[in-house]
Amino acid sequence: MQSIITPQNWSYCRFESGPYRAFISFGADPATIEEGIYHYYITVTEGEDKEIHQELHTSLSKACEVINTRYGDWTYLDQSIPKSGCGSCVAH
């Protein structure tokens, strides 16, 4: 079964391919936040912090659909699953 990013797991799952990571992040525009308009960004980084692409969606469902279509063939990573062994603690 293929693992996908859903409205239930989007905040702790991502796709990876070599040094690239694709994930959904959350944001808002100060001009429209009081109207309840939120933004979901599909972001691709190289490593931890070099952003190479970002795309805005106003629907979490649409952001999930797009990220799964575009990056679903990359390695799926569920960050809620505990890692074990040396190097698994947050100090590393």
N, C-alpha and C. Protein backbone atom coordinates (compact mmCIF):
# COMPACT_ATOMS: atom_id res chain seq x y z
N MET A 1 0.83 -1.18 0.00
CA MET A 1 0.00 0.00 0.00
C MET A 1 0.88 1.26 0.00
N GLN A 2 0.55 2.18 -0.85
CA GLN A 2 1.30 3.42 -0.95
C GLN A 2 0.92 4.35 0.21
N SER A 3 1.92 4.94 0.83
CA SER A 3 1.68 5.89 1.91
C SER A 3 1.50 7.28 1.31
N ILE A 4 0.50 7.98 1.78
CA ILE A 4 0.21 9.31 1.27
C ILE A 4 0.05 10.31 2.42
N ILE A 5 0.15 11.56 2.08
CA ILE A 5 -0.08 12.64 3.05
C ILE A 5 -1.56 12.99 3.01
N THR A 6 -2.17 13.06 4.19
CA THR A 6 -3.60 13.29 4.32
C THR A 6 -3.87 14.49 5.24
N PRO A 7 -5.12 14.96 5.29
CA PRO A 7 -5.45 16.02 6.26
C PRO A 7 -5.24 15.59 7.71
N GLN A 8 -5.12 14.29 7.96
CA GLN A 8 -4.90 13.81 9.32
C GLN A 8 -3.41 13.73 9.68
N ASN A 9 -2.51 13.56 8.70
CA ASN A 9 -1.09 13.36 9.03
C ASN A 9 -0.15 14.40 8.43
N TRP A 10 -0.68 15.41 7.76
CA TRP A 10 0.15 16.35 7.01
C TRP A 10 1.19 17.08 7.85
N SER A 11 0.93 17.26 9.14
CA SER A 11 1.84 18.06 9.96
C SER A 11 3.08 17.28 10.42
N TYR A 12 3.11 15.98 10.20
CA TYR A 12 4.28 15.20 10.62
C TYR A 12 4.78 14.20 9.58
N CYS A 13 4.29 14.30 8.34
CA CYS A 13 4.75 13.42 7.27
C CYS A 13 5.32 14.24 6.12
N ARG A 14 6.22 13.64 5.38
CA ARG A 14 6.81 14.32 4.23
C ARG A 14 7.32 13.28 3.24
N PHE A 15 7.73 13.76 2.07
CA PHE A 15 8.38 12.94 1.06
C PHE A 15 9.83 13.38 0.95
N GLU A 16 10.72 12.43 0.67
CA GLU A 16 12.13 12.74 0.50
C GLU A 16 12.67 12.04 -0.74
N SER A 17 13.62 12.71 -1.40
CA SER A 17 14.34 12.12 -2.53
C SER A 17 15.74 12.70 -2.51
N GLY A 18 16.72 11.87 -2.13
CA GLY A 18 18.08 12.37 -1.98
C GLY A 18 18.09 13.50 -0.97
N PRO A 19 18.64 14.67 -1.33
CA PRO A 19 18.70 15.78 -0.38
C PRO A 19 17.40 16.60 -0.31
N TYR A 20 16.41 16.24 -1.12
CA TYR A 20 15.19 17.05 -1.23
C TYR A 20 14.08 16.54 -0.30
N ARG A 21 13.32 17.48 0.24
CA ARG A 21 12.20 17.17 1.13
C ARG A 21 10.99 17.97 0.67
N ALA A 22 9.87 17.30 0.56
CA ALA A 22 8.62 17.96 0.19
C ALA A 22 7.63 17.77 1.34
N PHE A 23 7.04 18.87 1.79
CA PHE A 23 6.12 18.81 2.93
C PHE A 23 5.11 19.94 2.83
N ILE A 24 4.09 19.87 3.67
CA ILE A 24 3.08 20.92 3.74
C ILE A 24 3.29 21.69 5.03
N SER A 25 3.30 23.01 4.90
CA SER A 25 3.38 23.86 6.09
C SER A 25 2.16 24.79 6.12
N PHE A 26 1.96 25.42 7.25
CA PHE A 26 0.76 26.22 7.52
C PHE A 26 1.12 27.69 7.63
N GLY A 27 0.25 28.56 7.12
CA GLY A 27 0.48 29.99 7.24
C GLY A 27 -0.81 30.76 7.06
N ALA A 28 -0.70 32.06 7.09
CA ALA A 28 -1.87 32.92 6.92
C ALA A 28 -1.41 34.30 6.48
N ASP A 29 -2.33 35.03 5.90
CA ASP A 29 -2.09 36.42 5.48
C ASP A 29 -2.74 37.32 6.53
N PRO A 30 -1.99 38.24 7.12
CA PRO A 30 -2.58 39.11 8.14
C PRO A 30 -3.84 39.84 7.66
N ALA A 31 -3.93 40.09 6.36
CA ALA A 31 -5.08 40.82 5.83
C ALA A 31 -6.35 39.97 5.79
N THR A 32 -6.21 38.65 5.79
CA THR A 32 -7.40 37.79 5.65
C THR A 32 -7.57 36.78 6.79
N ILE A 33 -6.68 36.78 7.75
CA ILE A 33 -6.76 35.78 8.82
C ILE A 33 -8.04 35.94 9.65
N GLU A 34 -8.49 37.17 9.85
CA GLU A 34 -9.71 37.38 10.63
C GLU A 34 -10.93 36.80 9.93
N GLU A 35 -10.85 36.63 8.62
CA GLU A 35 -11.93 36.02 7.85
C GLU A 35 -11.84 34.49 7.87
N GLY A 36 -10.83 33.96 8.55
CA GLY A 36 -10.66 32.52 8.63
C GLY A 36 -10.04 31.90 7.39
N ILE A 37 -9.31 32.70 6.64
CA ILE A 37 -8.65 32.18 5.44
C ILE A 37 -7.22 31.81 5.82
N TYR A 38 -6.90 30.53 5.68
CA TYR A 38 -5.58 30.01 6.03
C TYR A 38 -4.88 29.52 4.77
N HIS A 39 -3.57 29.43 4.85
CA HIS A 39 -2.77 29.00 3.71
C HIS A 39 -2.03 27.71 4.05
N TYR A 40 -1.96 26.83 3.08
CA TYR A 40 -1.18 25.60 3.18
C TYR A 40 -0.16 25.64 2.07
N TYR A 41 1.10 25.56 2.44
CA TYR A 41 2.19 25.69 1.48
C TYR A 41 2.83 24.33 1.22
N ILE A 42 2.91 23.95 -0.04
CA ILE A 42 3.74 22.81 -0.41
C ILE A 42 5.14 23.40 -0.58
N THR A 43 6.06 22.91 0.21
CA THR A 43 7.42 23.44 0.20
C THR A 43 8.39 22.32 -0.11
N VAL A 44 9.37 22.62 -0.96
CA VAL A 44 10.45 21.68 -1.25
C VAL A 44 11.74 22.36 -0.81
N THR A 45 12.51 21.64 0.00
CA THR A 45 13.80 22.15 0.45
C THR A 45 14.91 21.21 0.02
N GLU A 46 16.09 21.77 -0.06
CA GLU A 46 17.29 20.96 -0.23
C GLU A 46 17.94 20.94 1.14
N GLY A 47 17.98 19.79 1.77
CA GLY A 47 18.47 19.72 3.14
C GLY A 47 17.44 20.31 4.09
N GLU A 48 17.92 20.83 5.20
CA GLU A 48 17.04 21.36 6.24
C GLU A 48 16.49 22.74 5.94
N ASP A 49 17.28 23.58 5.25
CA ASP A 49 16.88 24.99 5.24
C ASP A 49 16.99 25.71 3.90
N LYS A 50 17.41 25.06 2.84
CA LYS A 50 17.51 25.75 1.55
C LYS A 50 16.22 25.52 0.76
N GLU A 51 15.33 26.50 0.83
CA GLU A 51 14.05 26.39 0.14
C GLU A 51 14.26 26.56 -1.37
N ILE A 52 13.72 25.60 -2.15
CA ILE A 52 13.87 25.71 -3.60
C ILE A 52 12.54 25.86 -4.33
N HIS A 53 11.44 25.60 -3.64
CA HIS A 53 10.12 25.77 -4.27
C HIS A 53 9.06 25.90 -3.18
N GLN A 54 8.08 26.77 -3.42
CA GLN A 54 6.95 26.87 -2.51
C GLN A 54 5.71 27.25 -3.31
N GLU A 55 4.63 26.60 -2.97
CA GLU A 55 3.36 26.77 -3.71
C GLU A 55 2.22 26.91 -2.70
N LEU A 56 1.38 27.91 -2.87
CA LEU A 56 0.29 28.21 -1.93
C LEU A 56 -1.01 27.53 -2.34
N HIS A 57 -1.71 27.00 -1.33
CA HIS A 57 -3.06 26.45 -1.51
C HIS A 57 -3.90 26.95 -0.33
N THR A 58 -5.16 27.26 -0.58
CA THR A 58 -6.05 27.70 0.50
C THR A 58 -6.87 26.54 1.05
N SER A 59 -6.70 25.36 0.50
CA SER A 59 -7.41 24.17 0.97
C SER A 59 -6.39 23.09 1.32
N LEU A 60 -6.48 22.55 2.54
CA LEU A 60 -5.59 21.47 2.95
C LEU A 60 -5.80 20.24 2.08
N SER A 61 -7.05 19.94 1.75
CA SER A 61 -7.32 18.78 0.89
C SER A 61 -6.64 18.92 -0.46
N LYS A 62 -6.68 20.12 -1.05
CA LYS A 62 -6.04 20.35 -2.34
C LYS A 62 -4.52 20.24 -2.21
N ALA A 63 -3.95 20.78 -1.15
CA ALA A 63 -2.51 20.68 -0.93
C ALA A 63 -2.09 19.21 -0.81
N CYS A 64 -2.88 18.41 -0.11
CA CYS A 64 -2.58 16.98 0.02
C CYS A 64 -2.65 16.29 -1.34
N GLU A 65 -3.68 16.60 -2.11
CA GLU A 65 -3.84 16.01 -3.44
C GLU A 65 -2.64 16.34 -4.34
N VAL A 66 -2.23 17.60 -4.35
CA VAL A 66 -1.13 18.03 -5.21
C VAL A 66 0.19 17.41 -4.77
N ILE A 67 0.48 17.43 -3.47
CA ILE A 67 1.77 16.89 -3.01
C ILE A 67 1.87 15.39 -3.29
N ASN A 68 0.76 14.67 -3.13
CA ASN A 68 0.78 13.23 -3.39
C ASN A 68 0.95 12.93 -4.88
N THR A 69 0.32 13.73 -5.73
CA THR A 69 0.44 13.55 -7.17
C THR A 69 1.85 13.86 -7.63
N ARG A 70 2.39 14.96 -7.16
CA ARG A 70 3.68 15.44 -7.63
C ARG A 70 4.87 14.70 -7.02
N TYR A 71 4.80 14.36 -5.74
CA TYR A 71 5.95 13.80 -5.04
C TYR A 71 5.71 12.40 -4.46
N GLY A 72 4.57 11.80 -4.76
CA GLY A 72 4.21 10.50 -4.19
C GLY A 72 5.14 9.36 -4.55
N ASP A 73 5.96 9.53 -5.60
CA ASP A 73 6.92 8.47 -5.94
C ASP A 73 8.23 8.61 -5.16
N TRP A 74 8.36 9.68 -4.36
CA TRP A 74 9.51 9.84 -3.48
C TRP A 74 9.31 8.96 -2.25
N THR A 75 10.32 8.85 -1.41
CA THR A 75 10.24 8.07 -0.18
C THR A 75 9.34 8.80 0.82
N TYR A 76 8.37 8.08 1.36
CA TYR A 76 7.44 8.62 2.36
C TYR A 76 8.06 8.49 3.74
N LEU A 77 7.99 9.56 4.53
CA LEU A 77 8.55 9.54 5.88
C LEU A 77 7.52 10.03 6.88
N ASP A 78 7.19 9.17 7.83
CA ASP A 78 6.28 9.51 8.92
C ASP A 78 7.15 9.84 10.13
N GLN A 79 7.23 11.12 10.47
CA GLN A 79 8.11 11.55 11.55
C GLN A 79 7.56 11.30 12.94
N SER A 80 6.35 10.73 13.03
CA SER A 80 5.80 10.40 14.34
C SER A 80 6.27 9.03 14.82
N ILE A 81 6.87 8.26 13.94
CA ILE A 81 7.37 6.94 14.31
C ILE A 81 8.72 7.11 14.98
N PRO A 82 8.84 6.64 16.23
CA PRO A 82 10.10 6.81 16.95
C PRO A 82 11.25 6.08 16.25
N LYS A 83 12.40 6.73 16.23
CA LYS A 83 13.60 6.11 15.70
C LYS A 83 14.34 5.46 16.84
N SER A 84 15.21 4.52 16.53
CA SER A 84 15.98 3.88 17.59
C SER A 84 17.45 3.89 17.22
N GLY A 85 18.27 3.68 18.21
CA GLY A 85 19.70 3.61 17.97
C GLY A 85 20.39 4.93 18.15
N CYS A 86 21.70 4.90 18.01
CA CYS A 86 22.51 6.10 18.16
C CYS A 86 22.12 7.12 17.09
N GLY A 87 22.03 8.35 17.48
CA GLY A 87 21.67 9.41 16.53
C GLY A 87 20.19 9.67 16.44
N SER A 88 19.38 8.95 17.25
CA SER A 88 17.93 9.13 17.18
C SER A 88 17.40 10.17 18.14
N CYS A 89 18.23 10.65 19.06
CA CYS A 89 17.72 11.65 20.00
C CYS A 89 17.77 13.03 19.38
N VAL A 90 17.01 13.95 19.92
CA VAL A 90 16.92 15.28 19.37
C VAL A 90 18.21 16.09 19.53
N ALA A 91 19.14 15.61 20.33
CA ALA A 91 20.39 16.33 20.51
C ALA A 91 21.29 16.21 19.28
N HIS A 92 20.98 15.30 18.39
CA HIS A 92 21.81 15.09 17.18
C HIS A 92 21.27 15.84 16.01
